Amino acid sequence: MMQSLWCRIRKMDLEARSLQPNVKAVLLAKLREYKSDLNNLKSEHKRLASANSNQAARDDLLESGMANAMSVSANQRGRLMMSTERLNESSDRIKESRRTMRETEELGVSILQDLHQQRQSLLHANDTVFLLLKVPYRHHLLTGKFEGKDEKEINEERRKKEQVKEIKMLF
């Protein structure tokens, strides 16, 4: 193709030289531009052809190394799959641990509420016992009559008071 273009430019050059001088100068200037453009195209063509041959050599090298690259890629894919699986298993274990932690926390709160209710019950029982122990003395103060208690009953009341004090100290 390049050869045919050069032939046409030579023919135009011969025709332009045979014309009158005023037209001849304009046409020869145009021909010089055409020649310059054609030279630029020719060098561009050589550069691209050289790049294509380099690309072909590069492709040959890549094809020979492609089988090796495929096996490396398969190995990497396998390791990635194993890592992903381990990561998913770890995530599942973390979720299960969080669920267990929430259940344990709820159980702890429930136990604390039960203990609080038991404490309140014990305090109420303590107050009731304390009031019951004081009733005979109040009765004596209000009525002026004293229900006689022997030493055994008095010691029993003291023992109960001490037990009440011990119970209070526990809380």
N, C-alpha and C. Protein backbone atom coordinates (compact mmCIF):
# COMPACT_ATOMS: atom_id res chain seq x y z
N MET A 1 0.83 -1.19 0.00
CA MET A 1 0.00 0.00 0.00
C MET A 1 0.87 1.26 0.00
N MET A 2 1.93 1.22 0.80
CA MET A 2 2.83 2.37 0.86
C MET A 2 3.49 2.62 -0.50
N GLN A 3 3.83 1.52 -1.16
CA GLN A 3 4.47 1.65 -2.47
C GLN A 3 3.57 2.36 -3.47
N SER A 4 2.30 2.02 -3.46
CA SER A 4 1.37 2.65 -4.40
C SER A 4 1.20 4.13 -4.08
N LEU A 5 1.24 4.47 -2.80
CA LEU A 5 1.15 5.90 -2.44
C LEU A 5 2.37 6.67 -2.94
N TRP A 6 3.56 6.08 -2.79
CA TRP A 6 4.78 6.74 -3.27
C TRP A 6 4.74 6.90 -4.80
N CYS A 7 4.21 5.90 -5.46
CA CYS A 7 4.11 5.99 -6.92
C CYS A 7 3.20 7.14 -7.32
N ARG A 8 2.09 7.27 -6.68
CA ARG A 8 1.15 8.35 -7.00
C ARG A 8 1.77 9.72 -6.73
N ILE A 9 2.50 9.83 -5.61
CA ILE A 9 3.13 11.12 -5.31
C ILE A 9 4.17 11.46 -6.38
N ARG A 10 4.95 10.48 -6.84
CA ARG A 10 5.94 10.73 -7.90
C ARG A 10 5.25 11.20 -9.19
N LYS A 11 4.13 10.55 -9.53
CA LYS A 11 3.39 10.95 -10.74
C LYS A 11 2.88 12.38 -10.62
N MET A 12 2.34 12.72 -9.42
CA MET A 12 1.86 14.09 -9.21
C MET A 12 3.02 15.08 -9.30
N ASP A 13 4.18 14.68 -8.79
CA ASP A 13 5.36 15.54 -8.84
C ASP A 13 5.75 15.81 -10.30
N LEU A 14 5.74 14.79 -11.13
CA LEU A 14 6.09 14.96 -12.55
C LEU A 14 5.07 15.86 -13.25
N GLU A 15 3.80 15.66 -12.93
CA GLU A 15 2.76 16.49 -13.55
C GLU A 15 2.90 17.94 -13.11
N ALA A 16 3.17 18.14 -11.79
CA ALA A 16 3.28 19.51 -11.27
C ALA A 16 4.46 20.23 -11.89
N ARG A 17 5.55 19.55 -12.16
CA ARG A 17 6.74 20.19 -12.72
C ARG A 17 6.50 20.60 -14.19
N SER A 18 5.54 19.97 -14.81
CA SER A 18 5.28 20.32 -16.20
C SER A 18 4.28 21.47 -16.34
N LEU A 19 3.74 21.97 -15.29
CA LEU A 19 2.76 23.06 -15.33
C LEU A 19 3.45 24.42 -15.29
N GLN A 20 2.61 25.46 -15.35
CA GLN A 20 3.12 26.83 -15.32
C GLN A 20 3.73 27.13 -13.94
N PRO A 21 4.70 28.04 -13.91
CA PRO A 21 5.46 28.30 -12.68
C PRO A 21 4.59 28.76 -11.50
N ASN A 22 3.56 29.57 -11.68
CA ASN A 22 2.76 30.05 -10.54
C ASN A 22 1.94 28.90 -9.93
N VAL A 23 1.39 28.01 -10.73
CA VAL A 23 0.62 26.86 -10.24
C VAL A 23 1.58 25.80 -9.73
N LYS A 24 2.70 25.66 -10.42
CA LYS A 24 3.70 24.67 -10.09
C LYS A 24 4.19 24.83 -8.64
N ALA A 25 4.47 26.06 -8.20
CA ALA A 25 5.00 26.32 -6.86
C ALA A 25 4.00 25.88 -5.79
N VAL A 26 2.72 26.17 -6.01
CA VAL A 26 1.69 25.81 -5.03
C VAL A 26 1.57 24.29 -4.95
N LEU A 27 1.55 23.63 -6.13
CA LEU A 27 1.39 22.18 -6.14
C LEU A 27 2.61 21.46 -5.56
N LEU A 28 3.80 21.96 -5.81
CA LEU A 28 5.00 21.34 -5.24
C LEU A 28 5.04 21.50 -3.71
N ALA A 29 4.53 22.63 -3.22
CA ALA A 29 4.46 22.82 -1.76
C ALA A 29 3.51 21.79 -1.14
N LYS A 30 2.37 21.58 -1.82
CA LYS A 30 1.41 20.57 -1.34
C LYS A 30 2.04 19.18 -1.37
N LEU A 31 2.79 18.89 -2.45
CA LEU A 31 3.43 17.58 -2.57
C LEU A 31 4.45 17.35 -1.44
N ARG A 32 5.18 18.40 -1.09
CA ARG A 32 6.13 18.28 0.02
C ARG A 32 5.39 17.93 1.32
N GLU A 33 4.21 18.53 1.53
CA GLU A 33 3.40 18.21 2.72
C GLU A 33 2.95 16.75 2.68
N TYR A 34 2.52 16.31 1.49
CA TYR A 34 2.08 14.92 1.33
C TYR A 34 3.22 13.95 1.61
N LYS A 35 4.41 14.29 1.08
CA LYS A 35 5.57 13.43 1.31
C LYS A 35 5.90 13.36 2.81
N SER A 36 5.85 14.50 3.46
CA SER A 36 6.13 14.55 4.90
C SER A 36 5.10 13.71 5.67
N ASP A 37 3.83 13.86 5.31
CA ASP A 37 2.77 13.07 5.97
C ASP A 37 2.98 11.58 5.74
N LEU A 38 3.38 11.24 4.48
CA LEU A 38 3.59 9.83 4.16
C LEU A 38 4.79 9.27 4.92
N ASN A 39 5.85 10.06 5.07
CA ASN A 39 7.01 9.62 5.86
C ASN A 39 6.62 9.42 7.33
N ASN A 40 5.81 10.33 7.85
CA ASN A 40 5.34 10.19 9.24
C ASN A 40 4.52 8.91 9.40
N LEU A 41 3.65 8.66 8.42
CA LEU A 41 2.84 7.44 8.46
C LEU A 41 3.72 6.19 8.38
N LYS A 42 4.75 6.27 7.54
CA LYS A 42 5.66 5.14 7.38
C LYS A 42 6.39 4.84 8.69
N SER A 43 6.90 5.87 9.35
CA SER A 43 7.60 5.65 10.63
C SER A 43 6.63 5.16 11.71
N GLU A 44 5.42 5.67 11.71
CA GLU A 44 4.40 5.23 12.66
C GLU A 44 4.08 3.75 12.41
N HIS A 45 3.99 3.39 11.12
CA HIS A 45 3.71 2.00 10.75
C HIS A 45 4.84 1.08 11.24
N LYS A 46 6.09 1.50 11.06
CA LYS A 46 7.22 0.71 11.53
C LYS A 46 7.18 0.55 13.05
N ARG A 47 6.87 1.64 13.71
CA ARG A 47 6.82 1.60 15.19
C ARG A 47 5.75 0.62 15.65
N LEU A 48 4.57 0.68 15.05
CA LEU A 48 3.47 -0.22 15.42
C LEU A 48 3.80 -1.67 15.08
N ALA A 49 4.43 -1.88 13.92
CA ALA A 49 4.81 -3.24 13.53
C ALA A 49 5.82 -3.80 14.51
N SER A 50 6.76 -2.96 14.92
CA SER A 50 7.75 -3.38 15.91
C SER A 50 7.07 -3.69 17.24
N ALA A 51 6.11 -2.87 17.62
CA ALA A 51 5.38 -3.10 18.87
C ALA A 51 4.58 -4.39 18.78
N ASN A 52 4.00 -4.66 17.61
CA ASN A 52 3.25 -5.90 17.41
C ASN A 52 4.15 -7.12 17.52
N SER A 53 5.36 -7.02 16.95
CA SER A 53 6.29 -8.16 17.05
C SER A 53 6.72 -8.34 18.50
N ASN A 54 6.92 -7.23 19.19
CA ASN A 54 7.25 -7.31 20.63
C ASN A 54 6.07 -7.92 21.40
N GLN A 55 4.89 -7.54 21.01
CA GLN A 55 3.68 -8.06 21.67
C GLN A 55 3.56 -9.56 21.43
N ALA A 56 3.89 -10.00 20.21
CA ALA A 56 3.82 -11.42 19.89
C ALA A 56 4.83 -12.19 20.75
N ALA A 57 6.03 -11.66 20.88
CA ALA A 57 7.04 -12.30 21.72
C ALA A 57 6.57 -12.33 23.18
N ARG A 58 6.00 -11.24 23.60
CA ARG A 58 5.46 -11.16 24.96
C ARG A 58 4.36 -12.19 25.18
N ASP A 59 3.48 -12.31 24.18
CA ASP A 59 2.39 -13.29 24.27
C ASP A 59 2.94 -14.71 24.36
N ASP A 60 4.00 -15.00 23.57
CA ASP A 60 4.61 -16.33 23.64
C ASP A 60 5.14 -16.61 25.05
N LEU A 61 5.80 -15.63 25.61
CA LEU A 61 6.32 -15.80 26.97
C LEU A 61 5.19 -16.00 27.97
N LEU A 62 4.14 -15.22 27.81
CA LEU A 62 3.02 -15.34 28.74
C LEU A 62 2.31 -16.68 28.61
N GLU A 63 2.18 -17.17 27.38
CA GLU A 63 1.53 -18.47 27.19
C GLU A 63 2.32 -19.57 27.87
N SER A 64 3.65 -19.52 27.77
CA SER A 64 4.44 -20.56 28.43
C SER A 64 4.34 -20.44 29.95
N GLY A 65 4.24 -19.22 30.44
CA GLY A 65 4.12 -19.03 31.89
C GLY A 65 2.69 -19.08 32.38
N MET A 66 1.73 -19.14 31.45
CA MET A 66 0.32 -19.11 31.84
C MET A 66 -0.08 -20.34 32.63
N ALA A 67 0.41 -21.51 32.22
CA ALA A 67 0.07 -22.74 32.94
C ALA A 67 0.54 -22.64 34.38
N ASN A 68 1.75 -22.12 34.56
CA ASN A 68 2.29 -21.94 35.91
C ASN A 68 1.46 -20.91 36.68
N ALA A 69 1.09 -19.83 36.00
CA ALA A 69 0.28 -18.79 36.64
C ALA A 69 -1.09 -19.32 37.03
N MET A 70 -1.64 -20.20 36.18
CA MET A 70 -2.95 -20.79 36.49
C MET A 70 -2.87 -21.62 37.76
N SER A 71 -1.81 -22.42 37.89
CA SER A 71 -1.68 -23.25 39.09
C SER A 71 -1.46 -22.37 40.32
N VAL A 72 -0.67 -21.31 40.17
CA VAL A 72 -0.47 -20.38 41.28
C VAL A 72 -1.79 -19.72 41.64
N SER A 73 -2.55 -19.34 40.62
CA SER A 73 -3.85 -18.72 40.86
C SER A 73 -4.79 -19.69 41.57
N ALA A 74 -4.77 -20.95 41.17
CA ALA A 74 -5.62 -21.96 41.82
C ALA A 74 -5.21 -22.14 43.27
N ASN A 75 -3.89 -22.15 43.52
CA ASN A 75 -3.40 -22.26 44.90
C ASN A 75 -3.85 -21.06 45.73
N GLN A 76 -3.70 -19.88 45.16
CA GLN A 76 -4.12 -18.68 45.87
C GLN A 76 -5.62 -18.70 46.13
N ARG A 77 -6.39 -19.14 45.16
CA ARG A 77 -7.84 -19.22 45.31
C ARG A 77 -8.19 -20.20 46.44
N GLY A 78 -7.50 -21.34 46.47
CA GLY A 78 -7.73 -22.33 47.52
C GLY A 78 -7.42 -21.78 48.90
N ARG A 79 -6.28 -21.09 49.02
CA ARG A 79 -5.92 -20.48 50.31
C ARG A 79 -6.93 -19.41 50.70
N LEU A 80 -7.38 -18.64 49.73
CA LEU A 80 -8.37 -17.60 50.00
C LEU A 80 -9.68 -18.22 50.48
N MET A 81 -10.09 -19.31 49.85
CA MET A 81 -11.33 -19.99 50.27
C MET A 81 -11.19 -20.52 51.69
N MET A 82 -10.02 -21.13 52.01
CA MET A 82 -9.80 -21.64 53.36
C MET A 82 -9.81 -20.51 54.37
N SER A 83 -9.17 -19.40 54.03
CA SER A 83 -9.14 -18.24 54.94
C SER A 83 -10.54 -17.69 55.15
N THR A 84 -11.31 -17.63 54.08
CA THR A 84 -12.69 -17.13 54.19
C THR A 84 -13.52 -18.05 55.08
N GLU A 85 -13.34 -19.35 54.91
CA GLU A 85 -14.08 -20.32 55.73
C GLU A 85 -13.71 -20.17 57.20
N ARG A 86 -12.41 -20.03 57.48
CA ARG A 86 -11.98 -19.84 58.88
C ARG A 86 -12.54 -18.54 59.45
N LEU A 87 -12.56 -17.50 58.64
CA LEU A 87 -13.10 -16.22 59.09
C LEU A 87 -14.59 -16.35 59.40
N ASN A 88 -15.32 -17.06 58.54
CA ASN A 88 -16.75 -17.27 58.79
C ASN A 88 -16.98 -18.09 60.06
N GLU A 89 -16.15 -19.13 60.27
CA GLU A 89 -16.28 -19.93 61.49
C GLU A 89 -15.99 -19.08 62.72
N SER A 90 -14.97 -18.23 62.65
CA SER A 90 -14.65 -17.35 63.77
C SER A 90 -15.79 -16.39 64.05
N SER A 91 -16.38 -15.86 62.99
CA SER A 91 -17.53 -14.95 63.16
C SER A 91 -18.69 -15.67 63.83
N ASP A 92 -18.92 -16.92 63.43
CA ASP A 92 -20.00 -17.70 64.06
C ASP A 92 -19.71 -17.93 65.53
N ARG A 93 -18.45 -18.24 65.86
CA ARG A 93 -18.10 -18.46 67.27
C ARG A 93 -18.28 -17.17 68.08
N ILE A 94 -17.93 -16.04 67.49
CA ILE A 94 -18.10 -14.76 68.19
C ILE A 94 -19.58 -14.49 68.42
N LYS A 95 -20.42 -14.75 67.41
CA LYS A 95 -21.86 -14.55 67.58
C LYS A 95 -22.40 -15.44 68.69
N GLU A 96 -21.97 -16.70 68.71
CA GLU A 96 -22.42 -17.64 69.74
C GLU A 96 -21.95 -17.18 71.12
N SER A 97 -20.72 -16.68 71.21
CA SER A 97 -20.20 -16.17 72.49
C SER A 97 -21.01 -14.97 72.97
N ARG A 98 -21.35 -14.09 72.05
CA ARG A 98 -22.17 -12.92 72.43
C ARG A 98 -23.54 -13.35 72.92
N ARG A 99 -24.14 -14.36 72.25
CA ARG A 99 -25.45 -14.86 72.66
C ARG A 99 -25.35 -15.45 74.07
N THR A 100 -24.31 -16.25 74.32
CA THR A 100 -24.10 -16.84 75.64
C THR A 100 -23.89 -15.76 76.69
N MET A 101 -23.14 -14.71 76.33
CA MET A 101 -22.89 -13.61 77.25
C MET A 101 -24.20 -12.92 77.63
N ARG A 102 -25.07 -12.68 76.64
CA ARG A 102 -26.36 -12.03 76.93
C ARG A 102 -27.21 -12.92 77.84
N GLU A 103 -27.23 -14.22 77.56
CA GLU A 103 -28.01 -15.13 78.39
C GLU A 103 -27.48 -15.14 79.83
N THR A 104 -26.16 -15.16 79.98
CA THR A 104 -25.54 -15.16 81.30
C THR A 104 -25.86 -13.86 82.03
N GLU A 105 -25.81 -12.77 81.31
CA GLU A 105 -26.13 -11.47 81.92
C GLU A 105 -27.59 -11.45 82.39
N GLU A 106 -28.49 -11.96 81.57
CA GLU A 106 -29.90 -12.01 81.95
C GLU A 106 -30.10 -12.90 83.17
N LEU A 107 -29.40 -14.02 83.23
CA LEU A 107 -29.49 -14.93 84.37
C LEU A 107 -28.96 -14.23 85.63
N GLY A 108 -27.85 -13.52 85.50
CA GLY A 108 -27.29 -12.78 86.64
C GLY A 108 -28.26 -11.73 87.16
N VAL A 109 -28.90 -11.02 86.25
CA VAL A 109 -29.88 -10.00 86.65
C VAL A 109 -31.04 -10.67 87.39
N SER A 110 -31.49 -11.81 86.88
CA SER A 110 -32.59 -12.53 87.51
C SER A 110 -32.21 -12.98 88.93
N ILE A 111 -30.99 -13.51 89.07
CA ILE A 111 -30.52 -13.95 90.39
C ILE A 111 -30.44 -12.78 91.35
N LEU A 112 -29.93 -11.64 90.88
CA LEU A 112 -29.84 -10.45 91.74
C LEU A 112 -31.23 -9.99 92.17
N GLN A 113 -32.19 -10.06 91.27
CA GLN A 113 -33.56 -9.67 91.63
C GLN A 113 -34.12 -10.62 92.68
N ASP A 114 -33.88 -11.93 92.52
CA ASP A 114 -34.34 -12.91 93.51
C ASP A 114 -33.70 -12.66 94.87
N LEU A 115 -32.38 -12.40 94.85
CA LEU A 115 -31.70 -12.12 96.12
C LEU A 115 -32.25 -10.86 96.78
N HIS A 116 -32.56 -9.87 95.98
CA HIS A 116 -33.13 -8.63 96.53
C HIS A 116 -34.48 -8.92 97.19
N GLN A 117 -35.31 -9.72 96.51
CA GLN A 117 -36.62 -10.07 97.09
C GLN A 117 -36.45 -10.87 98.37
N GLN A 118 -35.48 -11.79 98.39
CA GLN A 118 -35.24 -12.57 99.60
C GLN A 118 -34.75 -11.68 100.73
N ARG A 119 -33.91 -10.72 100.40
CA ARG A 119 -33.42 -9.79 101.43
C ARG A 119 -34.58 -8.99 102.01
N GLN A 120 -35.45 -8.52 101.10
CA GLN A 120 -36.61 -7.76 101.57
C GLN A 120 -37.49 -8.63 102.48
N SER A 121 -37.67 -9.89 102.11
CA SER A 121 -38.47 -10.80 102.93
C SER A 121 -37.83 -11.01 104.29
N LEU A 122 -36.50 -11.19 104.32
CA LEU A 122 -35.80 -11.37 105.59
C LEU A 122 -35.89 -10.12 106.46
N LEU A 123 -35.72 -8.96 105.83
CA LEU A 123 -35.83 -7.72 106.60
C LEU A 123 -37.24 -7.55 107.18
N HIS A 124 -38.25 -7.89 106.39
CA HIS A 124 -39.62 -7.81 106.87
C HIS A 124 -39.85 -8.79 108.02
N ALA A 125 -39.31 -10.02 107.87
CA ALA A 125 -39.43 -11.01 108.94
C ALA A 125 -38.71 -10.53 110.18
N ASN A 126 -37.57 -9.92 110.01
CA ASN A 126 -36.80 -9.39 111.14
C ASN A 126 -37.61 -8.33 111.87
N ASP A 127 -38.19 -7.42 111.11
CA ASP A 127 -39.00 -6.37 111.73
C ASP A 127 -40.18 -6.97 112.47
N THR A 128 -40.80 -7.99 111.88
CA THR A 128 -41.95 -8.64 112.51
C THR A 128 -41.53 -9.30 113.81
N VAL A 129 -40.41 -10.03 113.79
CA VAL A 129 -39.92 -10.69 115.00
C VAL A 129 -39.58 -9.66 116.05
N PHE A 130 -38.95 -8.61 115.66
CA PHE A 130 -38.57 -7.56 116.60
C PHE A 130 -39.81 -6.95 117.26
N LEU A 131 -40.84 -6.72 116.44
CA LEU A 131 -42.08 -6.16 116.99
C LEU A 131 -42.76 -7.15 117.93
N LEU A 132 -42.75 -8.41 117.57
CA LEU A 132 -43.37 -9.43 118.41
C LEU A 132 -42.67 -9.56 119.75
N LEU A 133 -41.37 -9.39 119.75
CA LEU A 133 -40.63 -9.47 121.01
C LEU A 133 -40.93 -8.29 121.92
N LYS A 134 -41.25 -7.17 121.34
CA LYS A 134 -41.54 -5.97 122.13
C LYS A 134 -42.98 -5.92 122.60
N VAL A 135 -43.88 -6.69 122.03
CA VAL A 135 -45.31 -6.60 122.37
C VAL A 135 -45.59 -6.78 123.85
N PRO A 136 -45.03 -7.81 124.51
CA PRO A 136 -45.36 -7.96 125.94
C PRO A 136 -44.94 -6.75 126.76
N TYR A 137 -43.81 -6.15 126.44
CA TYR A 137 -43.37 -4.98 127.19
C TYR A 137 -44.29 -3.79 126.93
N ARG A 138 -44.72 -3.63 125.72
CA ARG A 138 -45.65 -2.55 125.42
C ARG A 138 -46.97 -2.78 126.17
N HIS A 139 -47.37 -4.02 126.14
CA HIS A 139 -48.61 -4.34 126.84
C HIS A 139 -48.50 -3.95 128.32
N HIS A 140 -47.36 -4.21 128.94
CA HIS A 140 -47.12 -3.86 130.33
C HIS A 140 -47.18 -2.35 130.53
N LEU A 141 -46.60 -1.61 129.58
CA LEU A 141 -46.60 -0.16 129.72
C LEU A 141 -48.00 0.42 129.54
N LEU A 142 -48.78 -0.14 128.64
CA LEU A 142 -50.11 0.38 128.39
C LEU A 142 -51.11 -0.01 129.48
N THR A 143 -51.03 -1.21 129.93
CA THR A 143 -52.04 -1.71 130.88
C THR A 143 -51.58 -1.61 132.31
N GLY A 144 -50.30 -1.52 132.51
CA GLY A 144 -49.81 -1.51 133.88
C GLY A 144 -49.67 -2.91 134.43
N LYS A 145 -50.04 -3.88 133.69
CA LYS A 145 -49.92 -5.26 134.13
C LYS A 145 -48.69 -5.86 133.48
N PHE A 146 -48.01 -6.66 134.19
CA PHE A 146 -46.84 -7.32 133.66
C PHE A 146 -47.10 -8.81 133.63
N GLU A 147 -46.95 -9.30 132.42
CA GLU A 147 -47.08 -10.74 132.31
C GLU A 147 -45.75 -11.31 132.74
N GLY A 148 -45.76 -12.00 133.77
CA GLY A 148 -44.52 -12.50 134.34
C GLY A 148 -43.82 -13.47 133.42
N LYS A 149 -42.55 -13.27 133.30
CA LYS A 149 -41.74 -14.15 132.49
C LYS A 149 -40.64 -14.70 133.39
N ASP A 150 -40.41 -15.92 133.20
CA ASP A 150 -39.34 -16.49 134.00
C ASP A 150 -38.00 -16.25 133.30
N GLU A 151 -36.99 -16.66 133.95
CA GLU A 151 -35.64 -16.41 133.46
C GLU A 151 -35.40 -17.12 132.12
N LYS A 152 -36.00 -18.26 131.97
CA LYS A 152 -35.85 -19.02 130.72
C LYS A 152 -36.43 -18.24 129.54
N GLU A 153 -37.60 -17.65 129.69
CA GLU A 153 -38.21 -16.87 128.61
C GLU A 153 -37.40 -15.62 128.30
N ILE A 154 -36.86 -15.01 129.32
CA ILE A 154 -36.05 -13.80 129.12
C ILE A 154 -34.78 -14.17 128.35
N ASN A 155 -34.14 -15.25 128.73
CA ASN A 155 -32.93 -15.70 128.01
C ASN A 155 -33.25 -16.05 126.54
N GLU A 156 -34.44 -16.65 126.33
CA GLU A 156 -34.87 -17.00 124.99
C GLU A 156 -35.06 -15.74 124.13
N GLU A 157 -35.64 -14.71 124.73
CA GLU A 157 -35.83 -13.45 124.02
C GLU A 157 -34.49 -12.82 123.68
N ARG A 158 -33.54 -12.88 124.62
CA ARG A 158 -32.20 -12.33 124.37
C ARG A 158 -31.53 -13.08 123.20
N ARG A 159 -31.67 -14.41 123.23
CA ARG A 159 -31.08 -15.21 122.18
C ARG A 159 -31.68 -14.83 120.82
N LYS A 160 -33.01 -14.62 120.76
CA LYS A 160 -33.67 -14.23 119.52
C LYS A 160 -33.19 -12.86 119.06
N LYS A 161 -33.02 -11.95 120.01
CA LYS A 161 -32.52 -10.61 119.65
C LYS A 161 -31.12 -10.71 119.06
N GLU A 162 -30.28 -11.55 119.64
CA GLU A 162 -28.93 -11.72 119.13
C GLU A 162 -28.96 -12.33 117.72
N GLN A 163 -29.87 -13.27 117.51
CA GLN A 163 -30.01 -13.84 116.17
C GLN A 163 -30.45 -12.78 115.17
N VAL A 164 -31.36 -11.94 115.59
CA VAL A 164 -31.82 -10.86 114.71
C VAL A 164 -30.65 -9.94 114.37
N LYS A 165 -29.83 -9.62 115.38
CA LYS A 165 -28.67 -8.76 115.13
C LYS A 165 -27.71 -9.41 114.13
N GLU A 166 -27.50 -10.72 114.31
CA GLU A 166 -26.62 -11.44 113.39
C GLU A 166 -27.18 -11.42 111.97
N ILE A 167 -28.48 -11.59 111.84
CA ILE A 167 -29.11 -11.56 110.52
C ILE A 167 -28.94 -10.17 109.90
N LYS A 168 -29.11 -9.13 110.71
CA LYS A 168 -28.94 -7.75 110.20
C LYS A 168 -27.50 -7.53 109.74
N MET A 169 -26.58 -8.09 110.47
CA MET A 169 -25.16 -7.89 110.10
C MET A 169 -24.84 -8.57 108.76
N LEU A 170 -25.55 -9.63 108.46
CA LEU A 170 -25.31 -10.31 107.19
C LEU A 170 -25.70 -9.44 106.00
N PHE A 171 -26.65 -8.56 106.20
CA PHE A 171 -27.12 -7.72 105.11
C PHE A 171 -26.57 -6.33 105.27
